Amino acid sequence: MALNARLDHRNPLVFDTHELGRRPGALQRLTRTIDAPKDLGILGVVGVPEGAPLKLTLRLESVMEGVLVTGTARATAEGECVRCLEPLELQLEADFQEMFSYPDADDRGRVKAEPADDAEGSAEDEDRLFIEDGLFDLEPVLRDAVVLALPMQPVCQEDCPGLCAQCGARLADDPDHHHDAVDIRWAALQGLAGSLGDGEKDDMSGDALPSARVDEKQEK
């Protein structure tokens, strides 16, 4: 990852390491509750609503090459059950650990004589997160941790039976819900029999008129 550009210390996910210092072994513990940023989670599936309380517990440790950040994010995530489509809530607890490197140190903590300008150095920097002016941005680490901690297919309960495949009724609300199974071959025959029965009735009603006229003539 490229060096962070002009981090804003007012951003709640930007942290200051000046108090920690660069002495290896120094520790700092932080607890911060912030408003969750937008689109925190698995889009369209489950996530922490924007502005919801998000509690961060962090441990900052100074090492030779930078600051090792270990922490946990806790919040309430919201989504939809993939089986019955009902809204659901679940408690999120996402653990993470990330190294934020000093821009002037290599991966062994040694101060660089000159900034790396070769292709190899550039490729290595793309995979690293950096501290700039004593600040680091936790947001990309937090987003990755939250996605990994959330279920890809959330359910309202482990044994959720889902919806009826025939009518869409929520089966958890009616455990005895069922539909009588009808063999489609018999259904076709029943329909044919019904149509024939209606035809016979029509024939009988049509024959009644001529016979009645014959009886009347005989009486005369």
C-alpha atoms as a PDB file:
ATOM      1  CA  MET A   1       0.000   0.000   0.000  1.00  0.00           C
ATOM      2  CA  ALA A   2       1.279   3.459  -0.814  1.00  0.00           C
ATOM      3  CA  LEU A   3       2.080   5.919   1.925  1.00  0.00           C
ATOM      4  CA  ASN A   4      -0.967   7.528   3.485  1.00  0.00           C
ATOM      5  CA  ALA A   5      -1.519  11.076   2.228  1.00  0.00           C
ATOM      6  CA  ARG A   6      -2.275  13.795   4.748  1.00  0.00           C
ATOM      7  CA  LEU A   7      -4.129  11.832   7.387  1.00  0.00           C
ATOM      8  CA  ASP A   8      -6.688  13.851   9.314  1.00  0.00           C
ATOM      9  CA  HIS A   9      -6.274  13.479  13.073  1.00  0.00           C
ATOM     10  CA  ARG A  10      -9.947  14.425  13.469  1.00  0.00           C
ATOM     11  CA  ASN A  11     -10.973  11.201  11.730  1.00  0.00           C
ATOM     12  CA  PRO A  12     -12.028   8.794  14.523  1.00  0.00           C
ATOM     13  CA  LEU A  13     -10.219   5.924  12.773  1.00  0.00           C
ATOM     14  CA  VAL A  14      -6.922   7.789  12.609  1.00  0.00           C
ATOM     15  CA  PHE A  15      -4.667   7.226  15.635  1.00  0.00           C
ATOM     16  CA  ASP A  16      -1.691   9.186  16.943  1.00  0.00           C
ATOM     17  CA  THR A  17       1.471   7.318  17.983  1.00  0.00           C
ATOM     18  CA  HIS A  18       3.501  10.300  19.199  1.00  0.00           C
ATOM     19  CA  GLU A  19       2.794   9.476  22.845  1.00  0.00           C
ATOM     20  CA  LEU A  20       3.882   5.881  22.271  1.00  0.00           C
ATOM     21  CA  GLY A  21       7.235   6.927  20.839  1.00  0.00           C
ATOM     22  CA  ARG A  22       9.686   4.797  18.885  1.00  0.00           C
ATOM     23  CA  ARG A  23      11.326   2.975  21.762  1.00  0.00           C
ATOM     24  CA  PRO A  24      10.902  -0.773  21.079  1.00  0.00           C
ATOM     25  CA  GLY A  25       8.766  -2.460  23.707  1.00  0.00           C
ATOM     26  CA  ALA A  26       6.692   0.603  24.598  1.00  0.00           C
ATOM     27  CA  LEU A  27       2.967  -0.170  24.943  1.00  0.00           C
ATOM     28  CA  GLN A  28      -0.199   1.873  24.776  1.00  0.00           C
ATOM     29  CA  ARG A  29      -3.770   0.673  25.315  1.00  0.00           C
ATOM     30  CA  LEU A  30      -6.714   2.560  23.878  1.00  0.00           C
ATOM     31  CA  THR A  31     -10.478   2.227  23.973  1.00  0.00           C
ATOM     32  CA  ARG A  32     -12.602   4.279  21.639  1.00  0.00           C
ATOM     33  CA  THR A  33     -16.285   4.184  20.688  1.00  0.00           C
ATOM     34  CA  ILE A  34     -17.040   5.715  17.314  1.00  0.00           C
ATOM     35  CA  ASP A  35     -19.848   5.950  14.772  1.00  0.00           C
ATOM     36  CA  ALA A  36     -19.527   3.146  12.257  1.00  0.00           C
ATOM     37  CA  PRO A  37     -18.451   4.303   8.807  1.00  0.00           C
ATOM     38  CA  LYS A  38     -20.549   3.704   5.704  1.00  0.00           C
ATOM     39  CA  ASP A  39     -20.695   0.253   4.095  1.00  0.00           C
ATOM     40  CA  LEU A  40     -19.011  -1.594   6.945  1.00  0.00           C
ATOM     41  CA  GLY A  41     -19.654  -5.262   6.261  1.00  0.00           C
ATOM     42  CA  ILE A  42     -20.754  -7.462   3.385  1.00  0.00           C
ATOM     43  CA  LEU A  43     -22.768  -5.271   1.038  1.00  0.00           C
ATOM     44  CA  GLY A  44     -26.313  -6.457   0.468  1.00  0.00           C
ATOM     45  CA  VAL A  45     -25.988  -9.252   3.025  1.00  0.00           C
ATOM     46  CA  VAL A  46     -25.088  -8.132   6.556  1.00  0.00           C
ATOM     47  CA  GLY A  47     -23.160  -5.254   8.114  1.00  0.00           C
ATOM     48  CA  VAL A  48     -22.937  -2.585  10.793  1.00  0.00           C
ATOM     49  CA  PRO A  49     -25.338   0.271   9.999  1.00  0.00           C
ATOM     50  CA  GLU A  50     -23.716   3.599   9.287  1.00  0.00           C
ATOM     51  CA  GLY A  51     -23.545   5.670  12.482  1.00  0.00           C
ATOM     52  CA  ALA A  52     -24.119   2.705  14.824  1.00  0.00           C
ATOM     53  CA  PRO A  53     -21.869   2.514  17.923  1.00  0.00           C
ATOM     54  CA  LEU A  54     -18.624   0.694  17.203  1.00  0.00           C
ATOM     55  CA  LYS A  55     -16.346  -0.030  20.161  1.00  0.00           C
ATOM     56  CA  LEU A  56     -12.621  -0.407  19.502  1.00  0.00           C
ATOM     57  CA  THR A  57     -10.179  -1.895  21.992  1.00  0.00           C
ATOM     58  CA  LEU A  58      -6.581  -1.470  20.847  1.00  0.00           C
ATOM     59  CA  ARG A  59      -3.095  -2.414  21.970  1.00  0.00           C
ATOM     60  CA  LEU A  60      -0.277  -0.456  20.339  1.00  0.00           C
ATOM     61  CA  GLU A  61       3.227  -1.867  20.641  1.00  0.00           C
ATOM     62  CA  SER A  62       6.332  -0.092  19.402  1.00  0.00           C
ATOM     63  CA  VAL A  63       8.750  -2.361  17.537  1.00  0.00           C
ATOM     64  CA  MET A  64      11.871  -1.723  15.501  1.00  0.00           C
ATOM     65  CA  GLU A  65      10.112  -1.374  12.144  1.00  0.00           C
ATOM     66  CA  GLY A  66       6.935   0.387  13.275  1.00  0.00           C
ATOM     67  CA  VAL A  67       3.862  -0.035  15.478  1.00  0.00           C
ATOM     68  CA  LEU A  68       2.122  -3.383  15.890  1.00  0.00           C
ATOM     69  CA  VAL A  69      -1.600  -2.807  16.399  1.00  0.00           C
ATOM     70  CA  THR A  70      -3.721  -5.570  17.945  1.00  0.00           C
ATOM     71  CA  GLY A  71      -7.382  -4.997  18.627  1.00  0.00           C
ATOM     72  CA  THR A  72     -11.022  -5.985  18.674  1.00  0.00           C
ATOM     73  CA  ALA A  73     -14.050  -4.238  17.185  1.00  0.00           C
ATOM     74  CA  ARG A  74     -17.496  -4.831  18.699  1.00  0.00           C
ATOM     75  CA  ALA A  75     -20.852  -3.744  17.312  1.00  0.00           C
ATOM     76  CA  THR A  76     -24.341  -4.932  16.407  1.00  0.00           C
ATOM     77  CA  ALA A  77     -24.679  -5.969  12.782  1.00  0.00           C
ATOM     78  CA  GLU A  78     -27.947  -6.110  10.870  1.00  0.00           C
ATOM     79  CA  GLY A  79     -29.004  -8.141   7.881  1.00  0.00           C
ATOM     80  CA  GLU A  80     -31.560 -10.556   6.497  1.00  0.00           C
ATOM     81  CA  CYS A  81     -31.910 -14.279   7.072  1.00  0.00           C
ATOM     82  CA  VAL A  82     -31.000 -16.096   3.865  1.00  0.00           C
ATOM     83  CA  ARG A  83     -33.595 -18.799   4.575  1.00  0.00           C
ATOM     84  CA  CYS A  84     -36.750 -16.961   5.684  1.00  0.00           C
ATOM     85  CA  LEU A  85     -35.793 -13.391   4.646  1.00  0.00           C
ATOM     86  CA  GLU A  86     -36.659 -11.983   8.076  1.00  0.00           C
ATOM     87  CA  PRO A  87     -34.563  -9.082   9.471  1.00  0.00           C
ATOM     88  CA  LEU A  88     -31.926 -10.168  11.970  1.00  0.00           C
ATOM     89  CA  GLU A  89     -29.328  -8.755  14.346  1.00  0.00           C
ATOM     90  CA  LEU A  90     -26.110 -10.364  15.488  1.00  0.00           C
ATOM     91  CA  GLN A  91     -23.287  -9.339  17.788  1.00  0.00           C
ATOM     92  CA  LEU A  92     -20.106  -8.669  15.888  1.00  0.00           C
ATOM     93  CA  GLU A  93     -16.676  -9.247  17.423  1.00  0.00           C
ATOM     94  CA  ALA A  94     -13.842  -8.821  14.947  1.00  0.00           C
ATOM     95  CA  ASP A  95     -10.222  -9.375  15.977  1.00  0.00           C
ATOM     96  CA  PHE A  96      -7.315  -7.972  13.983  1.00  0.00           C
ATOM     97  CA  GLN A  97      -3.564  -7.426  14.085  1.00  0.00           C
ATOM     98  CA  GLU A  98      -1.562  -5.265  11.711  1.00  0.00           C
ATOM     99  CA  MET A  99       1.908  -3.790  11.431  1.00  0.00           C
ATOM    100  CA  PHE A 100       2.120  -0.101  10.546  1.00  0.00           C
ATOM    101  CA  SER A 101       5.632   0.580   9.316  1.00  0.00           C
ATOM    102  CA  TYR A 102       7.774   3.674   9.651  1.00  0.00           C
ATOM    103  CA  PRO A 103       8.381   5.110   6.161  1.00  0.00           C
ATOM    104  CA  ASP A 104      12.090   5.562   6.896  1.00  0.00           C
ATOM    105  CA  ALA A 105      12.672   1.962   8.087  1.00  0.00           C
ATOM    106  CA  ASP A 106      12.987  -1.284   6.175  1.00  0.00           C
ATOM    107  CA  ASP A 107      11.236  -4.547   7.111  1.00  0.00           C
ATOM    108  CA  ARG A 108      13.922  -5.218   9.725  1.00  0.00           C
ATOM    109  CA  GLY A 109      13.583  -1.866  11.418  1.00  0.00           C
ATOM    110  CA  ARG A 110      16.792  -0.448   9.986  1.00  0.00           C
ATOM    111  CA  VAL A 111      16.709   3.198   8.913  1.00  0.00           C
ATOM    112  CA  LYS A 112      16.908   3.487   5.143  1.00  0.00           C
ATOM    113  CA  ALA A 113      19.783   5.523   3.806  1.00  0.00           C
ATOM    114  CA  GLU A 114      17.634   6.619   0.873  1.00  0.00           C
ATOM    115  CA  PRO A 115      14.004   5.946  -0.097  1.00  0.00           C
ATOM    116  CA  ALA A 116      13.717   2.834  -2.261  1.00  0.00           C
ATOM    117  CA  ASP A 117      13.068   3.770  -5.859  1.00  0.00           C
ATOM    118  CA  ASP A 118      13.579   0.442  -7.566  1.00  0.00           C
ATOM    119  CA  ALA A 119      10.772  -1.833  -8.768  1.00  0.00           C
ATOM    120  CA  GLU A 120      11.373  -4.361  -5.985  1.00  0.00           C
ATOM    121  CA  GLY A 121      11.073  -1.745  -3.260  1.00  0.00           C
ATOM    122  CA  SER A 122       7.879  -0.341  -4.783  1.00  0.00           C
ATOM    123  CA  ALA A 123       6.265  -3.793  -4.905  1.00  0.00           C
ATOM    124  CA  GLU A 124       7.068  -4.409  -1.242  1.00  0.00           C
ATOM    125  CA  ASP A 125       5.601  -1.045  -0.224  1.00  0.00           C
ATOM    126  CA  GLU A 126       2.290  -1.890  -1.915  1.00  0.00           C
ATOM    127  CA  ASP A 127       1.714  -4.665   0.613  1.00  0.00           C
ATOM    128  CA  ARG A 128       2.531  -2.557   3.669  1.00  0.00           C
ATOM    129  CA  LEU A 129       0.651   0.002   5.759  1.00  0.00           C
ATOM    130  CA  PHE A 130       2.581   3.046   6.904  1.00  0.00           C
ATOM    131  CA  ILE A 131       2.674   5.627   9.661  1.00  0.00           C
ATOM    132  CA  GLU A 132       2.749   9.197   8.433  1.00  0.00           C
ATOM    133  CA  ASP A 133       3.733  12.034  10.739  1.00  0.00           C
ATOM    134  CA  GLY A 134       3.051   9.749  13.682  1.00  0.00           C
ATOM    135  CA  LEU A 135      -0.477   8.887  12.479  1.00  0.00           C
ATOM    136  CA  PHE A 136      -1.993   5.695  11.085  1.00  0.00           C
ATOM    137  CA  ASP A 137      -5.396   4.959   9.546  1.00  0.00           C
ATOM    138  CA  LEU A 138      -7.139   1.889  10.966  1.00  0.00           C
ATOM    139  CA  GLU A 139     -10.078   1.893   8.541  1.00  0.00           C
ATOM    140  CA  PRO A 140      -8.759  -0.517   5.863  1.00  0.00           C
ATOM    141  CA  VAL A 141      -7.713  -3.006   8.556  1.00  0.00           C
ATOM    142  CA  LEU A 142     -11.063  -2.672  10.298  1.00  0.00           C
ATOM    143  CA  ARG A 143     -13.032  -3.253   7.097  1.00  0.00           C
ATOM    144  CA  ASP A 144     -11.117  -6.425   6.281  1.00  0.00           C
ATOM    145  CA  ALA A 145     -11.557  -7.754   9.829  1.00  0.00           C
ATOM    146  CA  VAL A 146     -15.301  -7.089   9.885  1.00  0.00           C
ATOM    147  CA  VAL A 147     -15.875  -8.849   6.543  1.00  0.00           C
ATOM    148  CA  LEU A 148     -13.984 -11.913   7.777  1.00  0.00           C
ATOM    149  CA  ALA A 149     -15.913 -11.974  11.072  1.00  0.00           C
ATOM    150  CA  LEU A 150     -19.383 -11.772   9.509  1.00  0.00           C
ATOM    151  CA  PRO A 151     -21.226 -14.817   8.101  1.00  0.00           C
ATOM    152  CA  MET A 152     -21.584 -14.936   4.335  1.00  0.00           C
ATOM    153  CA  GLN A 153     -25.020 -16.544   4.774  1.00  0.00           C
ATOM    154  CA  PRO A 154     -26.589 -15.187   7.988  1.00  0.00           C
ATOM    155  CA  VAL A 155     -29.563 -17.005   9.509  1.00  0.00           C
ATOM    156  CA  CYS A 156     -32.002 -15.869  12.190  1.00  0.00           C
ATOM    157  CA  GLN A 157     -31.455 -19.171  13.998  1.00  0.00           C
ATOM    158  CA  GLU A 158     -29.337 -22.209  13.236  1.00  0.00           C
ATOM    159  CA  ASP A 159     -32.353 -24.464  12.623  1.00  0.00           C
ATOM    160  CA  CYS A 160     -34.421 -21.930  10.660  1.00  0.00           C
ATOM    161  CA  PRO A 161     -36.631 -24.047   8.341  1.00  0.00           C
ATOM    162  CA  GLY A 162     -36.991 -21.237   5.812  1.00  0.00           C
ATOM    163  CA  LEU A 163     -40.020 -20.644   3.584  1.00  0.00           C
ATOM    164  CA  CYS A 164     -42.569 -23.008   2.051  1.00  0.00           C
ATOM    165  CA  ALA A 165     -41.493 -23.729  -1.501  1.00  0.00           C
ATOM    166  CA  GLN A 166     -45.119 -23.761  -2.685  1.00  0.00           C
ATOM    167  CA  CYS A 167     -46.700 -20.739  -1.036  1.00  0.00           C
ATOM    168  CA  GLY A 168     -43.826 -18.822   0.579  1.00  0.00           C
ATOM    169  CA  ALA A 169     -45.157 -19.099   4.141  1.00  0.00           C
ATOM    170  CA  ARG A 170     -42.567 -18.807   6.946  1.00  0.00           C
ATOM    171  CA  LEU A 171     -42.343 -22.357   8.304  1.00  0.00           C
ATOM    172  CA  ALA A 172     -41.061 -21.316  11.733  1.00  0.00           C
ATOM    173  CA  ASP A 173     -44.431 -19.600  12.369  1.00  0.00           C
ATOM    174  CA  ASP A 174     -46.391 -22.753  11.503  1.00  0.00           C
ATOM    175  CA  PRO A 175     -44.476 -25.972  12.220  1.00  0.00           C
ATOM    176  CA  ASP A 176     -47.441 -28.077  10.992  1.00  0.00           C
ATOM    177  CA  HIS A 177     -47.661 -26.236   7.676  1.00  0.00           C
ATOM    178  CA  HIS A 178     -47.938 -28.602   4.714  1.00  0.00           C
ATOM    179  CA  HIS A 179     -49.639 -29.130   1.389  1.00  0.00           C
ATOM    180  CA  ASP A 180     -51.357 -32.375   0.311  1.00  0.00           C
ATOM    181  CA  ALA A 181     -49.195 -33.990  -2.324  1.00  0.00           C
ATOM    182  CA  VAL A 182     -51.083 -34.739  -5.549  1.00  0.00           C
ATOM    183  CA  ASP A 183     -49.614 -36.913  -8.279  1.00  0.00           C
ATOM    184  CA  ILE A 184     -49.783 -34.786 -11.423  1.00  0.00           C
ATOM    185  CA  ARG A 185     -50.813 -37.836 -13.469  1.00  0.00           C
ATOM    186  CA  TRP A 186     -53.896 -38.407 -11.283  1.00  0.00           C
ATOM    187  CA  ALA A 187     -54.624 -34.680 -11.301  1.00  0.00           C
ATOM    188  CA  ALA A 188     -54.792 -34.779 -15.110  1.00  0.00           C
ATOM    189  CA  LEU A 189     -57.150 -37.775 -15.076  1.00  0.00           C
ATOM    190  CA  GLN A 190     -59.375 -36.105 -12.489  1.00  0.00           C
ATOM    191  CA  GLY A 191     -59.593 -33.043 -14.670  1.00  0.00           C
ATOM    192  CA  LEU A 192     -60.504 -35.168 -17.693  1.00  0.00           C
ATOM    193  CA  ALA A 193     -63.148 -37.030 -15.719  1.00  0.00           C
ATOM    194  CA  GLY A 194     -64.628 -33.774 -14.566  1.00  0.00           C
ATOM    195  CA  SER A 195     -64.881 -32.420 -18.098  1.00  0.00           C
ATOM    196  CA  LEU A 196     -66.540 -35.633 -19.315  1.00  0.00           C
ATOM    197  CA  GLY A 197     -69.029 -35.520 -16.475  1.00  0.00           C
ATOM    198  CA  ASP A 198     -70.046 -31.990 -17.385  1.00  0.00           C
ATOM    199  CA  GLY A 199     -70.506 -33.032 -21.026  1.00  0.00           C
ATOM    200  CA  GLU A 200     -72.829 -35.910 -20.079  1.00  0.00           C
ATOM    201  CA  LYS A 201     -74.973 -33.580 -18.000  1.00  0.00           C
ATOM    202  CA  ASP A 202     -75.320 -31.253 -20.948  1.00  0.00           C
ATOM    203  CA  ASP A 203     -76.355 -34.159 -23.206  1.00  0.00           C
ATOM    204  CA  MET A 204     -78.972 -35.339 -20.749  1.00  0.00           C
ATOM    205  CA  SER A 205     -80.476 -31.900 -20.398  1.00  0.00           C
ATOM    206  CA  GLY A 206     -80.629 -31.616 -24.195  1.00  0.00           C
ATOM    207  CA  ASP A 207     -82.426 -35.004 -24.644  1.00  0.00           C
ATOM    208  CA  ALA A 208     -85.104 -34.173 -22.137  1.00  0.00           C
ATOM    209  CA  LEU A 209     -86.863 -31.695 -24.435  1.00  0.00           C
ATOM    210  CA  PRO A 210     -87.527 -34.027 -27.445  1.00  0.00           C
ATOM    211  CA  SER A 211     -88.789 -36.868 -25.267  1.00  0.00           C
ATOM    212  CA  ALA A 212     -91.152 -34.525 -23.506  1.00  0.00           C
ATOM    213  CA  ARG A 213     -92.609 -33.418 -26.887  1.00  0.00           C
ATOM    214  CA  VAL A 214     -93.193 -37.087 -27.939  1.00  0.00           C
ATOM    215  CA  ASP A 215     -95.102 -37.816 -24.737  1.00  0.00           C
ATOM    216  CA  GLU A 216     -97.284 -34.806 -25.298  1.00  0.00           C
ATOM    217  CA  LYS A 217     -98.185 -35.930 -28.871  1.00  0.00           C
ATOM    218  CA  GLN A 218     -99.084 -39.423 -27.721  1.00  0.00           C
ATOM    219  CA  GLU A 219    -101.485 -38.089 -25.116  1.00  0.00           C
ATOM    220  CA  LYS A 220    -103.249 -36.023 -27.780  1.00  0.00           C
END
